[in-house]
Amino acid sequence: MPTLTREIREQLLTYDQEFQKLTQLHSEYESQLRQLSQASYLNLEDLQQEATLKKLKLRVKDAMERHIAQRLHPPAAR
C-alpha cells in the first residue's frame, strides 16, 4: 500500500466515523470467518454463512477503498 494511501487510511480512522464503522465491521466479519475456519467440519449452514460473510467483508472493503479513493481524487469544484 503506497504511503499516501496509508496516511489517508490513518486520517480516516481518526476523523471519519463512517470509515471507523466500516473498519469495525470488516474486523468483525474477519473474526467470524476465522472462527468458522477453525471448525473441523462445516455443515451446509456453516458453508452458507461463510460465503455470506466473505461477500459482506468484500462489500465493506470496497466501501473503505471508495472512501480512500475519494480522498485521493476529490471531485473537481465547479
N, C-alpha and C. Protein backbone atom coordinates (compact mmCIF):
# COMPACT_ATOMS: atom_id res chain seq x y z
N MET A 1 0.86 -1.17 0.00
CA MET A 1 0.00 0.00 0.00
C MET A 1 0.90 1.23 0.00
N PRO A 2 0.73 2.13 -0.97
CA PRO A 2 1.56 3.33 -1.01
C PRO A 2 1.40 4.15 0.27
N THR A 3 2.43 4.92 0.59
CA THR A 3 2.44 5.71 1.81
C THR A 3 1.27 6.68 1.88
N LEU A 4 0.94 7.34 0.77
CA LEU A 4 -0.17 8.30 0.75
C LEU A 4 -1.48 7.61 1.13
N THR A 5 -1.72 6.44 0.57
CA THR A 5 -2.93 5.69 0.89
C THR A 5 -2.95 5.31 2.36
N ARG A 6 -1.82 4.91 2.88
CA ARG A 6 -1.73 4.54 4.30
C ARG A 6 -2.01 5.76 5.18
N GLU A 7 -1.48 6.92 4.79
CA GLU A 7 -1.73 8.14 5.55
C GLU A 7 -3.21 8.52 5.52
N ILE A 8 -3.83 8.40 4.36
CA ILE A 8 -5.25 8.72 4.23
C ILE A 8 -6.07 7.76 5.09
N ARG A 9 -5.71 6.49 5.06
CA ARG A 9 -6.41 5.49 5.87
C ARG A 9 -6.32 5.86 7.36
N GLU A 10 -5.13 6.25 7.80
CA GLU A 10 -4.95 6.64 9.20
C GLU A 10 -5.79 7.87 9.54
N GLN A 11 -5.83 8.84 8.64
CA GLN A 11 -6.64 10.05 8.87
C GLN A 11 -8.12 9.68 8.96
N LEU A 12 -8.57 8.82 8.05
CA LEU A 12 -9.97 8.43 8.07
C LEU A 12 -10.31 7.66 9.34
N LEU A 13 -9.39 6.82 9.79
CA LEU A 13 -9.62 6.08 11.04
C LEU A 13 -9.72 7.03 12.23
N THR A 14 -9.01 8.14 12.14
CA THR A 14 -9.01 9.10 13.24
C THR A 14 -10.24 10.01 13.21
N TYR A 15 -10.63 10.46 12.01
CA TYR A 15 -11.62 11.53 11.92
C TYR A 15 -12.97 11.15 11.31
N ASP A 16 -13.07 10.06 10.60
CA ASP A 16 -14.28 9.73 9.85
C ASP A 16 -15.02 8.58 10.54
N GLN A 17 -16.18 8.90 11.12
CA GLN A 17 -16.94 7.89 11.86
C GLN A 17 -17.45 6.77 10.96
N GLU A 18 -17.85 7.10 9.75
CA GLU A 18 -18.33 6.05 8.84
C GLU A 18 -17.20 5.08 8.50
N PHE A 19 -16.00 5.61 8.26
CA PHE A 19 -14.86 4.75 7.96
C PHE A 19 -14.53 3.89 9.18
N GLN A 20 -14.64 4.46 10.37
CA GLN A 20 -14.40 3.70 11.60
C GLN A 20 -15.38 2.54 11.72
N LYS A 21 -16.66 2.81 11.40
CA LYS A 21 -17.68 1.75 11.44
C LYS A 21 -17.37 0.65 10.44
N LEU A 22 -16.98 1.07 9.23
CA LEU A 22 -16.64 0.09 8.20
C LEU A 22 -15.47 -0.77 8.63
N THR A 23 -14.47 -0.15 9.23
CA THR A 23 -13.30 -0.89 9.70
C THR A 23 -13.69 -1.89 10.78
N GLN A 24 -14.57 -1.47 11.68
CA GLN A 24 -15.04 -2.36 12.74
C GLN A 24 -15.82 -3.54 12.17
N LEU A 25 -16.70 -3.27 11.21
CA LEU A 25 -17.46 -4.34 10.57
C LEU A 25 -16.53 -5.33 9.88
N HIS A 26 -15.55 -4.80 9.15
CA HIS A 26 -14.60 -5.65 8.44
C HIS A 26 -13.88 -6.56 9.43
N SER A 27 -13.50 -6.00 10.54
CA SER A 27 -12.81 -6.78 11.58
C SER A 27 -13.72 -7.86 12.17
N GLU A 28 -14.98 -7.51 12.41
CA GLU A 28 -15.93 -8.49 12.95
C GLU A 28 -16.16 -9.64 11.97
N TYR A 29 -16.33 -9.32 10.69
CA TYR A 29 -16.52 -10.37 9.70
C TYR A 29 -15.28 -11.27 9.63
N GLU A 30 -14.11 -10.66 9.68
CA GLU A 30 -12.87 -11.44 9.65
C GLU A 30 -12.79 -12.37 10.86
N SER A 31 -13.17 -11.88 12.01
CA SER A 31 -13.16 -12.70 13.22
C SER A 31 -14.13 -13.88 13.10
N GLN A 32 -15.31 -13.62 12.60
CA GLN A 32 -16.29 -14.69 12.42
C GLN A 32 -15.80 -15.73 11.42
N LEU A 33 -15.16 -15.27 10.35
CA LEU A 33 -14.61 -16.20 9.36
C LEU A 33 -13.49 -17.04 9.98
N ARG A 34 -12.67 -16.41 10.80
CA ARG A 34 -11.59 -17.14 11.46
C ARG A 34 -12.15 -18.24 12.36
N GLN A 35 -13.24 -17.91 13.08
CA GLN A 35 -13.88 -18.91 13.94
C GLN A 35 -14.39 -20.09 13.11
N LEU A 36 -15.04 -19.80 12.01
CA LEU A 36 -15.56 -20.87 11.15
C LEU A 36 -14.43 -21.74 10.60
N SER A 37 -13.33 -21.10 10.24
CA SER A 37 -12.23 -21.86 9.64
C SER A 37 -11.56 -22.81 10.63
N GLN A 38 -11.76 -22.58 11.91
CA GLN A 38 -11.15 -23.44 12.92
C GLN A 38 -11.98 -24.69 13.20
N ALA A 39 -13.20 -24.72 12.68
CA ALA A 39 -14.04 -25.90 12.88
C ALA A 39 -13.49 -27.06 12.05
N SER A 40 -13.57 -28.25 12.61
CA SER A 40 -13.05 -29.41 11.88
C SER A 40 -14.02 -29.87 10.79
N TYR A 41 -15.29 -29.48 10.94
CA TYR A 41 -16.30 -29.87 9.96
C TYR A 41 -17.29 -28.72 9.81
N LEU A 42 -17.58 -28.38 8.57
CA LEU A 42 -18.58 -27.34 8.30
C LEU A 42 -19.79 -27.98 7.64
N ASN A 43 -20.95 -27.80 8.26
CA ASN A 43 -22.18 -28.30 7.63
C ASN A 43 -22.63 -27.28 6.59
N LEU A 44 -23.74 -27.59 5.94
CA LEU A 44 -24.23 -26.72 4.86
C LEU A 44 -24.51 -25.31 5.36
N GLU A 45 -25.11 -25.19 6.53
CA GLU A 45 -25.40 -23.87 7.09
C GLU A 45 -24.12 -23.07 7.34
N ASP A 46 -23.10 -23.75 7.85
CA ASP A 46 -21.80 -23.09 8.09
C ASP A 46 -21.19 -22.61 6.78
N LEU A 47 -21.27 -23.45 5.75
CA LEU A 47 -20.72 -23.08 4.45
C LEU A 47 -21.46 -21.88 3.86
N GLN A 48 -22.76 -21.85 4.04
CA GLN A 48 -23.54 -20.71 3.56
C GLN A 48 -23.18 -19.44 4.34
N GLN A 49 -23.02 -19.59 5.64
CA GLN A 49 -22.64 -18.45 6.47
C GLN A 49 -21.26 -17.95 6.06
N GLU A 50 -20.35 -18.87 5.78
CA GLU A 50 -19.00 -18.48 5.35
C GLU A 50 -19.05 -17.68 4.06
N ALA A 51 -19.85 -18.14 3.09
CA ALA A 51 -19.97 -17.43 1.81
C ALA A 51 -20.56 -16.04 2.02
N THR A 52 -21.58 -15.97 2.87
CA THR A 52 -22.22 -14.68 3.16
C THR A 52 -21.24 -13.72 3.82
N LEU A 53 -20.49 -14.22 4.80
CA LEU A 53 -19.52 -13.37 5.49
C LEU A 53 -18.44 -12.86 4.54
N LYS A 54 -17.99 -13.72 3.64
CA LYS A 54 -16.98 -13.30 2.66
C LYS A 54 -17.51 -12.19 1.76
N LYS A 55 -18.77 -12.33 1.34
CA LYS A 55 -19.37 -11.30 0.49
C LYS A 55 -19.53 -9.98 1.25
N LEU A 56 -19.99 -10.07 2.49
CA LEU A 56 -20.17 -8.87 3.31
C LEU A 56 -18.82 -8.19 3.56
N LYS A 57 -17.83 -8.99 3.86
CA LYS A 57 -16.49 -8.45 4.12
C LYS A 57 -15.96 -7.74 2.88
N LEU A 58 -16.18 -8.32 1.72
CA LEU A 58 -15.73 -7.71 0.47
C LEU A 58 -16.46 -6.40 0.19
N ARG A 59 -17.77 -6.37 0.45
CA ARG A 59 -18.53 -5.13 0.26
C ARG A 59 -18.00 -4.02 1.16
N VAL A 60 -17.71 -4.37 2.40
CA VAL A 60 -17.20 -3.38 3.35
C VAL A 60 -15.82 -2.90 2.89
N LYS A 61 -14.98 -3.82 2.44
CA LYS A 61 -13.65 -3.42 1.97
C LYS A 61 -13.77 -2.50 0.75
N ASP A 62 -14.69 -2.80 -0.15
CA ASP A 62 -14.91 -1.93 -1.31
C ASP A 62 -15.34 -0.53 -0.87
N ALA A 63 -16.22 -0.47 0.12
CA ALA A 63 -16.67 0.84 0.64
C ALA A 63 -15.50 1.60 1.26
N MET A 64 -14.64 0.89 1.97
CA MET A 64 -13.46 1.53 2.56
C MET A 64 -12.54 2.06 1.46
N GLU A 65 -12.35 1.28 0.42
CA GLU A 65 -11.50 1.71 -0.70
C GLU A 65 -12.09 2.92 -1.41
N ARG A 66 -13.43 2.98 -1.52
CA ARG A 66 -14.06 4.15 -2.13
C ARG A 66 -13.80 5.40 -1.29
N HIS A 67 -13.85 5.26 0.03
CA HIS A 67 -13.56 6.40 0.91
C HIS A 67 -12.13 6.90 0.66
N ILE A 68 -11.21 5.97 0.57
CA ILE A 68 -9.80 6.34 0.34
C ILE A 68 -9.64 6.99 -1.03
N ALA A 69 -10.28 6.42 -2.04
CA ALA A 69 -10.19 6.98 -3.39
C ALA A 69 -10.77 8.38 -3.46
N GLN A 70 -11.86 8.63 -2.73
CA GLN A 70 -12.44 9.97 -2.72
C GLN A 70 -11.47 10.98 -2.11
N ARG A 71 -10.69 10.54 -1.15
CA ARG A 71 -9.69 11.44 -0.55
C ARG A 71 -8.51 11.65 -1.50
N LEU A 72 -8.15 10.60 -2.22
CA LEU A 72 -7.04 10.70 -3.16
C LEU A 72 -7.39 11.57 -4.37
N HIS A 73 -8.63 11.43 -4.84
CA HIS A 73 -9.08 12.13 -6.05
C HIS A 73 -10.40 12.84 -5.76
N PRO A 74 -10.36 13.95 -5.03
CA PRO A 74 -11.61 14.65 -4.72
C PRO A 74 -12.27 15.16 -6.00
N PRO A 75 -13.61 15.23 -6.01
CA PRO A 75 -14.30 15.74 -7.20
C PRO A 75 -13.89 17.18 -7.49
N ALA A 76 -13.81 17.50 -8.75
CA ALA A 76 -13.41 18.85 -9.15
C ALA A 76 -14.49 19.85 -8.78
N ALA A 77 -14.07 21.02 -8.29
CA ALA A 77 -15.02 22.08 -7.93
C ALA A 77 -15.55 22.72 -9.20
N ARG A 78 -16.80 23.09 -9.18
CA ARG A 78 -17.40 23.72 -10.37
C ARG A 78 -17.45 25.20 -10.21
